[in-house]
Amino acid sequence: MKAEDLDKLFDSGEVDITPYLELSQSHRPDHDLKRVNVDFPIWMLREIDQTAKRLGVPRQSLIKVWLAERLTQQ
């Protein structure tokens, strides 16, 4: 399939173009992980843990979401 035809399919929004894509080698740029250490005050960890427990998510996931939300606000 020509790129032009794929563009038309995508732009129409009527067809799922996923079957036409080679996704086995795909990755998001700049989404490689790097481990970092962050020190939090105990009171802050308690608040984070309480919120994470209430939402039923791991602490790390909650922190990642909060940071991502804050970064996209800027």
N, C-alpha and C. Protein backbone atom coordinates (compact mmCIF):
# COMPACT_ATOMS: atom_id res chain seq x y z
N MET A 1 0.85 -1.17 0.00
CA MET A 1 0.00 0.00 0.00
C MET A 1 0.89 1.24 0.00
N LYS A 2 0.51 2.19 -0.80
CA LYS A 2 1.25 3.44 -0.87
C LYS A 2 0.94 4.30 0.35
N ALA A 3 1.92 5.11 0.72
CA ALA A 3 1.75 6.01 1.87
C ALA A 3 0.56 6.93 1.66
N GLU A 4 0.36 7.35 0.44
CA GLU A 4 -0.76 8.23 0.11
C GLU A 4 -2.11 7.57 0.43
N ASP A 5 -2.22 6.28 0.08
CA ASP A 5 -3.45 5.53 0.35
C ASP A 5 -3.65 5.35 1.86
N LEU A 6 -2.57 5.06 2.56
CA LEU A 6 -2.65 4.91 4.01
C LEU A 6 -3.07 6.22 4.67
N ASP A 7 -2.54 7.33 4.18
CA ASP A 7 -2.92 8.64 4.70
C ASP A 7 -4.42 8.88 4.52
N LYS A 8 -4.95 8.51 3.36
CA LYS A 8 -6.38 8.70 3.11
C LYS A 8 -7.22 7.86 4.06
N LEU A 9 -6.80 6.61 4.27
CA LEU A 9 -7.52 5.74 5.21
C LEU A 9 -7.51 6.33 6.62
N PHE A 10 -6.34 6.80 7.03
CA PHE A 10 -6.20 7.39 8.36
C PHE A 10 -7.06 8.63 8.50
N ASP A 11 -6.98 9.50 7.51
CA ASP A 11 -7.73 10.76 7.56
C ASP A 11 -9.24 10.54 7.56
N SER A 12 -9.68 9.48 6.91
CA SER A 12 -11.13 9.22 6.86
C SER A 12 -11.66 8.84 8.24
N GLY A 13 -10.82 8.18 9.05
CA GLY A 13 -11.22 7.78 10.38
C GLY A 13 -12.22 6.64 10.41
N GLU A 14 -12.53 6.08 9.25
CA GLU A 14 -13.53 5.03 9.16
C GLU A 14 -12.94 3.63 9.32
N VAL A 15 -11.64 3.52 9.12
CA VAL A 15 -10.99 2.21 9.11
C VAL A 15 -9.86 2.20 10.13
N ASP A 16 -9.72 1.08 10.83
CA ASP A 16 -8.58 0.89 11.73
C ASP A 16 -7.37 0.56 10.87
N ILE A 17 -6.37 1.41 10.90
CA ILE A 17 -5.20 1.20 10.03
C ILE A 17 -4.13 0.34 10.69
N THR A 18 -4.36 -0.08 11.92
CA THR A 18 -3.36 -0.86 12.65
C THR A 18 -2.88 -2.09 11.89
N PRO A 19 -3.76 -2.84 11.21
CA PRO A 19 -3.27 -4.02 10.47
C PRO A 19 -2.26 -3.68 9.36
N TYR A 20 -2.24 -2.44 8.93
CA TYR A 20 -1.33 -2.03 7.86
C TYR A 20 0.04 -1.58 8.39
N LEU A 21 0.18 -1.53 9.70
CA LEU A 21 1.42 -1.03 10.30
C LEU A 21 2.29 -2.17 10.81
N GLU A 22 3.58 -1.99 10.73
CA GLU A 22 4.55 -2.94 11.29
C GLU A 22 4.93 -2.42 12.67
N LEU A 23 4.35 -3.01 13.70
CA LEU A 23 4.53 -2.50 15.06
C LEU A 23 5.53 -3.28 15.89
N SER A 24 6.10 -4.34 15.34
CA SER A 24 6.99 -5.19 16.14
C SER A 24 8.25 -4.45 16.59
N GLN A 25 8.69 -3.49 15.83
CA GLN A 25 9.91 -2.75 16.17
C GLN A 25 9.61 -1.32 16.62
N SER A 26 8.34 -1.02 16.83
CA SER A 26 7.99 0.36 17.18
C SER A 26 8.26 0.64 18.66
N HIS A 27 8.53 1.90 18.94
CA HIS A 27 8.69 2.36 20.32
C HIS A 27 8.47 3.86 20.35
N ARG A 28 8.15 4.35 21.50
CA ARG A 28 7.95 5.78 21.65
C ARG A 28 9.30 6.45 21.88
N PRO A 29 9.61 7.48 21.13
CA PRO A 29 10.88 8.17 21.35
C PRO A 29 10.90 8.83 22.72
N ASP A 30 12.05 8.85 23.31
CA ASP A 30 12.26 9.46 24.63
C ASP A 30 11.42 8.81 25.73
N HIS A 31 11.06 7.54 25.56
CA HIS A 31 10.32 6.85 26.60
C HIS A 31 11.16 5.74 27.24
N ASP A 32 12.46 5.82 27.05
CA ASP A 32 13.33 4.88 27.74
C ASP A 32 13.32 5.24 29.22
N LEU A 33 13.51 4.25 30.04
CA LEU A 33 13.46 4.48 31.48
C LEU A 33 14.85 4.69 32.07
N LYS A 34 14.91 5.51 33.08
CA LYS A 34 16.13 5.71 33.84
C LYS A 34 15.74 5.76 35.31
N ARG A 35 16.38 4.95 36.09
CA ARG A 35 16.07 4.88 37.52
C ARG A 35 16.69 6.09 38.23
N VAL A 36 15.88 6.71 39.09
CA VAL A 36 16.36 7.83 39.91
C VAL A 36 15.92 7.60 41.35
N ASN A 37 16.66 8.15 42.26
CA ASN A 37 16.31 8.08 43.68
C ASN A 37 15.83 9.45 44.12
N VAL A 38 14.72 9.46 44.82
CA VAL A 38 14.16 10.71 45.32
C VAL A 38 13.85 10.51 46.80
N ASP A 39 14.29 11.44 47.61
CA ASP A 39 14.01 11.38 49.05
C ASP A 39 12.77 12.23 49.35
N PHE A 40 11.80 11.62 50.03
CA PHE A 40 10.58 12.31 50.43
C PHE A 40 10.52 12.39 51.95
N PRO A 41 9.96 13.46 52.48
CA PRO A 41 9.70 13.49 53.92
C PRO A 41 8.66 12.41 54.26
N ILE A 42 8.73 11.90 55.47
CA ILE A 42 7.84 10.81 55.87
C ILE A 42 6.38 11.22 55.77
N TRP A 43 6.05 12.46 56.17
CA TRP A 43 4.66 12.89 56.09
C TRP A 43 4.14 12.83 54.66
N MET A 44 5.01 13.16 53.69
CA MET A 44 4.62 13.16 52.29
C MET A 44 4.40 11.73 51.80
N LEU A 45 5.29 10.83 52.20
CA LEU A 45 5.12 9.42 51.82
C LEU A 45 3.83 8.85 52.37
N ARG A 46 3.49 9.22 53.60
CA ARG A 46 2.23 8.75 54.18
C ARG A 46 1.04 9.21 53.35
N GLU A 47 1.05 10.48 52.97
CA GLU A 47 -0.04 11.02 52.16
C GLU A 47 -0.10 10.33 50.80
N ILE A 48 1.05 10.14 50.19
CA ILE A 48 1.11 9.46 48.88
C ILE A 48 0.58 8.04 49.01
N ASP A 49 1.04 7.33 50.04
CA ASP A 49 0.61 5.94 50.23
C ASP A 49 -0.88 5.84 50.52
N GLN A 50 -1.41 6.77 51.30
CA GLN A 50 -2.86 6.76 51.58
C GLN A 50 -3.67 6.99 50.31
N THR A 51 -3.22 7.93 49.51
CA THR A 51 -3.92 8.22 48.26
C THR A 51 -3.81 7.04 47.30
N ALA A 52 -2.62 6.46 47.20
CA ALA A 52 -2.42 5.31 46.32
C ALA A 52 -3.30 4.14 46.74
N LYS A 53 -3.38 3.91 48.04
CA LYS A 53 -4.21 2.82 48.55
C LYS A 53 -5.68 3.07 48.25
N ARG A 54 -6.11 4.30 48.46
CA ARG A 54 -7.51 4.66 48.20
C ARG A 54 -7.87 4.46 46.72
N LEU A 55 -6.92 4.79 45.84
CA LEU A 55 -7.15 4.65 44.40
C LEU A 55 -6.86 3.24 43.89
N GLY A 56 -6.20 2.43 44.72
CA GLY A 56 -5.88 1.06 44.32
C GLY A 56 -4.77 0.97 43.29
N VAL A 57 -3.80 1.87 43.41
CA VAL A 57 -2.66 1.86 42.49
C VAL A 57 -1.36 1.85 43.28
N PRO A 58 -0.27 1.39 42.68
CA PRO A 58 1.02 1.44 43.37
C PRO A 58 1.51 2.88 43.55
N ARG A 59 2.30 3.08 44.56
CA ARG A 59 2.88 4.40 44.85
C ARG A 59 3.59 4.98 43.63
N GLN A 60 4.42 4.17 43.00
CA GLN A 60 5.20 4.65 41.85
C GLN A 60 4.30 5.12 40.72
N SER A 61 3.23 4.39 40.46
CA SER A 61 2.30 4.79 39.39
C SER A 61 1.66 6.13 39.70
N LEU A 62 1.25 6.31 40.94
CA LEU A 62 0.63 7.56 41.34
C LEU A 62 1.60 8.73 41.16
N ILE A 63 2.82 8.56 41.60
CA ILE A 63 3.82 9.62 41.47
C ILE A 63 4.07 9.94 40.00
N LYS A 64 4.18 8.92 39.16
CA LYS A 64 4.40 9.15 37.72
C LYS A 64 3.26 9.94 37.10
N VAL A 65 2.03 9.56 37.44
CA VAL A 65 0.87 10.27 36.88
C VAL A 65 0.85 11.71 37.36
N TRP A 66 1.08 11.93 38.64
CA TRP A 66 1.08 13.29 39.16
C TRP A 66 2.16 14.14 38.50
N LEU A 67 3.34 13.59 38.34
CA LEU A 67 4.43 14.34 37.70
C LEU A 67 4.10 14.64 36.24
N ALA A 68 3.56 13.65 35.54
CA ALA A 68 3.21 13.85 34.13
C ALA A 68 2.14 14.93 33.99
N GLU A 69 1.14 14.90 34.88
CA GLU A 69 0.09 15.93 34.84
C GLU A 69 0.69 17.32 35.06
N ARG A 70 1.56 17.42 36.02
CA ARG A 70 2.17 18.72 36.34
C ARG A 70 3.03 19.22 35.18
N LEU A 71 3.78 18.32 34.58
CA LEU A 71 4.65 18.71 33.48
C LEU A 71 3.86 19.14 32.25
N THR A 72 2.70 18.54 32.02
CA THR A 72 1.90 18.92 30.85
C THR A 72 1.15 20.22 31.08
N GLN A 73 1.03 20.66 32.32
CA GLN A 73 0.36 21.93 32.61
C GLN A 73 1.24 23.12 32.25
N GLN A 74 2.51 22.91 32.15
CA GLN A 74 3.43 24.04 31.91
C GLN A 74 3.50 24.42 30.46
